[in-house]
N, C-alpha and C. Protein backbone atom coordinates (compact mmCIF):
# COMPACT_ATOMS: atom_id res chain seq x y z
N MET A 1 -26.96 -16.00 -34.66
CA MET A 1 -25.64 -15.39 -34.62
C MET A 1 -25.66 -14.25 -33.59
N ILE A 2 -24.56 -14.14 -32.85
CA ILE A 2 -24.44 -13.09 -31.83
C ILE A 2 -24.03 -11.79 -32.51
N ALA A 3 -24.70 -10.73 -32.13
CA ALA A 3 -24.37 -9.41 -32.70
C ALA A 3 -22.94 -9.04 -32.31
N PRO A 4 -22.22 -8.35 -33.20
CA PRO A 4 -20.84 -7.97 -32.90
C PRO A 4 -20.69 -7.16 -31.61
N ALA A 5 -21.64 -6.30 -31.32
CA ALA A 5 -21.54 -5.48 -30.11
C ALA A 5 -21.62 -6.35 -28.85
N VAL A 6 -22.50 -7.35 -28.88
CA VAL A 6 -22.63 -8.24 -27.73
C VAL A 6 -21.35 -9.07 -27.57
N SER A 7 -20.83 -9.53 -28.67
CA SER A 7 -19.58 -10.30 -28.64
C SER A 7 -18.44 -9.47 -28.06
N PHE A 8 -18.37 -8.19 -28.43
CA PHE A 8 -17.34 -7.30 -27.90
C PHE A 8 -17.45 -7.16 -26.39
N VAL A 9 -18.65 -6.97 -25.89
CA VAL A 9 -18.87 -6.81 -24.45
C VAL A 9 -18.48 -8.09 -23.71
N VAL A 10 -18.84 -9.23 -24.27
CA VAL A 10 -18.50 -10.51 -23.64
C VAL A 10 -16.98 -10.67 -23.58
N ARG A 11 -16.28 -10.38 -24.66
CA ARG A 11 -14.81 -10.49 -24.67
C ARG A 11 -14.18 -9.52 -23.68
N MET A 12 -14.74 -8.32 -23.58
CA MET A 12 -14.20 -7.33 -22.65
C MET A 12 -14.29 -7.85 -21.22
N PHE A 13 -15.42 -8.41 -20.84
CA PHE A 13 -15.57 -8.92 -19.48
C PHE A 13 -14.74 -10.19 -19.26
N GLU A 14 -14.55 -10.99 -20.29
CA GLU A 14 -13.67 -12.16 -20.17
C GLU A 14 -12.24 -11.72 -19.87
N ARG A 15 -11.79 -10.68 -20.55
CA ARG A 15 -10.43 -10.17 -20.31
C ARG A 15 -10.30 -9.61 -18.90
N LEU A 16 -11.31 -8.93 -18.44
CA LEU A 16 -11.28 -8.39 -17.08
C LEU A 16 -11.23 -9.52 -16.06
N GLN A 17 -12.06 -10.55 -16.25
CA GLN A 17 -12.06 -11.68 -15.32
C GLN A 17 -10.73 -12.41 -15.34
N THR A 18 -10.13 -12.53 -16.52
CA THR A 18 -8.82 -13.17 -16.62
C THR A 18 -7.77 -12.35 -15.87
N ALA A 19 -7.82 -11.04 -16.00
CA ALA A 19 -6.87 -10.18 -15.30
C ALA A 19 -7.04 -10.30 -13.78
N VAL A 20 -8.27 -10.39 -13.32
CA VAL A 20 -8.53 -10.52 -11.89
C VAL A 20 -7.96 -11.84 -11.37
N ARG A 21 -8.09 -12.90 -12.17
CA ARG A 21 -7.56 -14.20 -11.75
C ARG A 21 -6.03 -14.23 -11.79
N LEU A 22 -5.41 -13.49 -12.71
CA LEU A 22 -3.97 -13.59 -12.90
C LEU A 22 -3.15 -12.60 -12.08
N TRP A 23 -3.74 -11.50 -11.61
CA TRP A 23 -2.88 -10.51 -10.94
C TRP A 23 -2.20 -11.05 -9.69
N PRO A 24 -2.81 -11.96 -8.93
CA PRO A 24 -2.03 -12.50 -7.81
C PRO A 24 -0.83 -13.32 -8.27
N LEU A 25 -0.94 -13.94 -9.43
CA LEU A 25 0.17 -14.73 -9.95
C LEU A 25 1.29 -13.84 -10.49
N ASP A 26 0.92 -12.70 -11.07
CA ASP A 26 1.91 -11.78 -11.62
C ASP A 26 2.76 -11.15 -10.52
N GLN A 27 2.14 -10.92 -9.38
CA GLN A 27 2.76 -10.26 -8.24
C GLN A 27 3.36 -8.89 -8.60
N LEU A 28 2.68 -8.18 -9.47
CA LEU A 28 3.08 -6.81 -9.78
C LEU A 28 2.36 -5.88 -8.81
N PRO A 29 3.04 -4.88 -8.27
CA PRO A 29 2.40 -4.02 -7.27
C PRO A 29 1.24 -3.21 -7.82
N THR A 30 1.19 -2.99 -9.12
CA THR A 30 0.10 -2.18 -9.68
C THR A 30 -1.00 -3.04 -10.30
N SER A 31 -0.92 -4.34 -10.21
CA SER A 31 -1.93 -5.19 -10.83
C SER A 31 -3.34 -4.93 -10.34
N PRO A 32 -3.58 -4.76 -9.03
CA PRO A 32 -4.96 -4.47 -8.61
C PRO A 32 -5.50 -3.17 -9.21
N GLN A 33 -4.66 -2.15 -9.27
CA GLN A 33 -5.10 -0.87 -9.83
C GLN A 33 -5.37 -1.01 -11.34
N LEU A 34 -4.50 -1.68 -12.04
CA LEU A 34 -4.68 -1.84 -13.49
C LEU A 34 -5.92 -2.66 -13.80
N THR A 35 -6.19 -3.65 -12.97
CA THR A 35 -7.40 -4.44 -13.16
C THR A 35 -8.64 -3.57 -12.94
N ALA A 36 -8.61 -2.72 -11.94
CA ALA A 36 -9.74 -1.82 -11.70
C ALA A 36 -9.90 -0.83 -12.85
N LEU A 37 -8.79 -0.38 -13.42
CA LEU A 37 -8.87 0.55 -14.55
C LEU A 37 -9.51 -0.10 -15.77
N MET A 38 -9.37 -1.41 -15.90
CA MET A 38 -9.95 -2.12 -17.05
C MET A 38 -11.46 -2.29 -16.95
N ASP A 39 -12.00 -2.16 -15.74
CA ASP A 39 -13.44 -2.34 -15.56
C ASP A 39 -14.19 -1.18 -16.19
N PRO A 40 -15.06 -1.44 -17.16
CA PRO A 40 -15.73 -0.33 -17.87
C PRO A 40 -16.64 0.50 -16.97
N HIS A 41 -17.30 -0.13 -16.01
CA HIS A 41 -18.19 0.65 -15.14
C HIS A 41 -17.39 1.57 -14.22
N THR A 42 -16.32 1.04 -13.66
CA THR A 42 -15.47 1.85 -12.79
C THR A 42 -14.87 3.01 -13.56
N ALA A 43 -14.37 2.72 -14.76
CA ALA A 43 -13.76 3.76 -15.59
C ALA A 43 -14.78 4.83 -16.00
N ALA A 44 -16.03 4.43 -16.14
CA ALA A 44 -17.06 5.39 -16.52
C ALA A 44 -17.46 6.31 -15.37
N GLU A 45 -17.30 5.83 -14.15
CA GLU A 45 -17.75 6.59 -12.99
C GLU A 45 -16.66 7.40 -12.30
N LEU A 46 -15.41 6.91 -12.36
CA LEU A 46 -14.32 7.53 -11.61
C LEU A 46 -13.18 7.93 -12.53
N ASP A 47 -12.45 8.97 -12.15
CA ASP A 47 -11.25 9.32 -12.92
C ASP A 47 -10.08 8.47 -12.41
N LEU A 48 -8.94 8.59 -13.05
CA LEU A 48 -7.80 7.73 -12.73
C LEU A 48 -7.34 7.86 -11.28
N ASP A 49 -7.26 9.07 -10.79
CA ASP A 49 -6.83 9.28 -9.41
C ASP A 49 -7.81 8.66 -8.42
N GLN A 50 -9.10 8.77 -8.71
CA GLN A 50 -10.11 8.19 -7.83
C GLN A 50 -10.03 6.67 -7.82
N ILE A 51 -9.75 6.07 -8.97
CA ILE A 51 -9.63 4.61 -9.04
C ILE A 51 -8.43 4.15 -8.22
N TRP A 52 -7.29 4.84 -8.38
CA TRP A 52 -6.10 4.47 -7.61
C TRP A 52 -6.37 4.61 -6.11
N SER A 53 -7.03 5.69 -5.70
CA SER A 53 -7.35 5.90 -4.29
C SER A 53 -8.32 4.83 -3.78
N LEU A 54 -9.31 4.49 -4.60
CA LEU A 54 -10.27 3.46 -4.22
C LEU A 54 -9.58 2.13 -3.98
N VAL A 55 -8.71 1.73 -4.90
CA VAL A 55 -8.01 0.45 -4.74
C VAL A 55 -7.08 0.49 -3.53
N ASP A 56 -6.37 1.60 -3.34
CA ASP A 56 -5.51 1.71 -2.16
C ASP A 56 -6.33 1.60 -0.87
N ASP A 57 -7.50 2.24 -0.84
CA ASP A 57 -8.36 2.15 0.34
C ASP A 57 -8.87 0.73 0.56
N LEU A 58 -9.24 0.05 -0.54
CA LEU A 58 -9.70 -1.35 -0.43
C LEU A 58 -8.58 -2.26 0.08
N LEU A 59 -7.37 -2.05 -0.44
CA LEU A 59 -6.24 -2.86 0.02
C LEU A 59 -5.93 -2.59 1.49
N ALA A 60 -6.06 -1.33 1.90
CA ALA A 60 -5.81 -1.00 3.31
C ALA A 60 -6.87 -1.63 4.22
N ALA A 61 -8.10 -1.62 3.77
CA ALA A 61 -9.19 -2.14 4.60
C ALA A 61 -9.25 -3.66 4.61
N HIS A 62 -8.89 -4.30 3.49
CA HIS A 62 -9.06 -5.74 3.36
C HIS A 62 -7.76 -6.46 3.04
N GLY A 63 -6.65 -5.80 3.25
CA GLY A 63 -5.36 -6.38 2.89
C GLY A 63 -5.02 -7.64 3.65
N ASP A 64 -5.60 -7.82 4.84
CA ASP A 64 -5.30 -9.03 5.60
C ASP A 64 -5.87 -10.29 4.94
N TRP A 65 -6.75 -10.12 3.96
CA TRP A 65 -7.29 -11.25 3.20
C TRP A 65 -6.40 -11.59 2.00
N LEU A 66 -5.44 -10.73 1.73
CA LEU A 66 -4.59 -10.88 0.54
C LEU A 66 -3.20 -11.37 0.94
N PRO A 67 -2.45 -11.89 -0.04
CA PRO A 67 -1.09 -12.37 0.26
C PRO A 67 -0.19 -11.24 0.78
N ASP A 68 0.87 -11.63 1.48
CA ASP A 68 1.79 -10.66 2.07
C ASP A 68 2.41 -9.72 1.04
N TRP A 69 2.72 -10.22 -0.17
CA TRP A 69 3.40 -9.37 -1.14
C TRP A 69 2.55 -8.17 -1.53
N VAL A 70 1.22 -8.29 -1.47
CA VAL A 70 0.35 -7.15 -1.80
C VAL A 70 0.49 -6.07 -0.74
N ARG A 71 0.42 -6.46 0.52
CA ARG A 71 0.52 -5.49 1.61
C ARG A 71 1.90 -4.86 1.67
N THR A 72 2.94 -5.67 1.51
CA THR A 72 4.31 -5.17 1.60
C THR A 72 4.58 -4.14 0.51
N ARG A 73 4.20 -4.45 -0.71
CA ARG A 73 4.46 -3.53 -1.82
C ARG A 73 3.59 -2.29 -1.73
N ARG A 74 2.36 -2.44 -1.25
CA ARG A 74 1.50 -1.28 -1.11
C ARG A 74 2.08 -0.34 -0.06
N GLU A 75 2.52 -0.88 1.05
CA GLU A 75 3.09 -0.05 2.12
C GLU A 75 4.34 0.65 1.64
N ALA A 76 5.16 -0.02 0.85
CA ALA A 76 6.38 0.60 0.32
C ALA A 76 6.04 1.71 -0.66
N ARG A 77 4.96 1.52 -1.44
CA ARG A 77 4.57 2.52 -2.43
C ARG A 77 3.99 3.76 -1.75
N VAL A 78 3.23 3.56 -0.67
CA VAL A 78 2.59 4.66 0.03
C VAL A 78 3.60 5.46 0.83
N ALA A 79 4.59 4.78 1.40
CA ALA A 79 5.59 5.44 2.25
C ALA A 79 6.48 6.40 1.49
């Protein structure tokens, strides 16, 4: 039998992976940030403002790999 603590960690990472797969489908402008906030390691190392800045920097640096709606909404939010 799997210990409850191990089961909890597995479910937590399953939810995170599901969110990562679904945020492009949701097309919500804050989905990348919310997904990063759900990551336990990121949340343990960075505060909320740092996470938002990190995701904004990642989107700025690698946005050409992402769909247009991500770049368009990010630019509108930053402006």
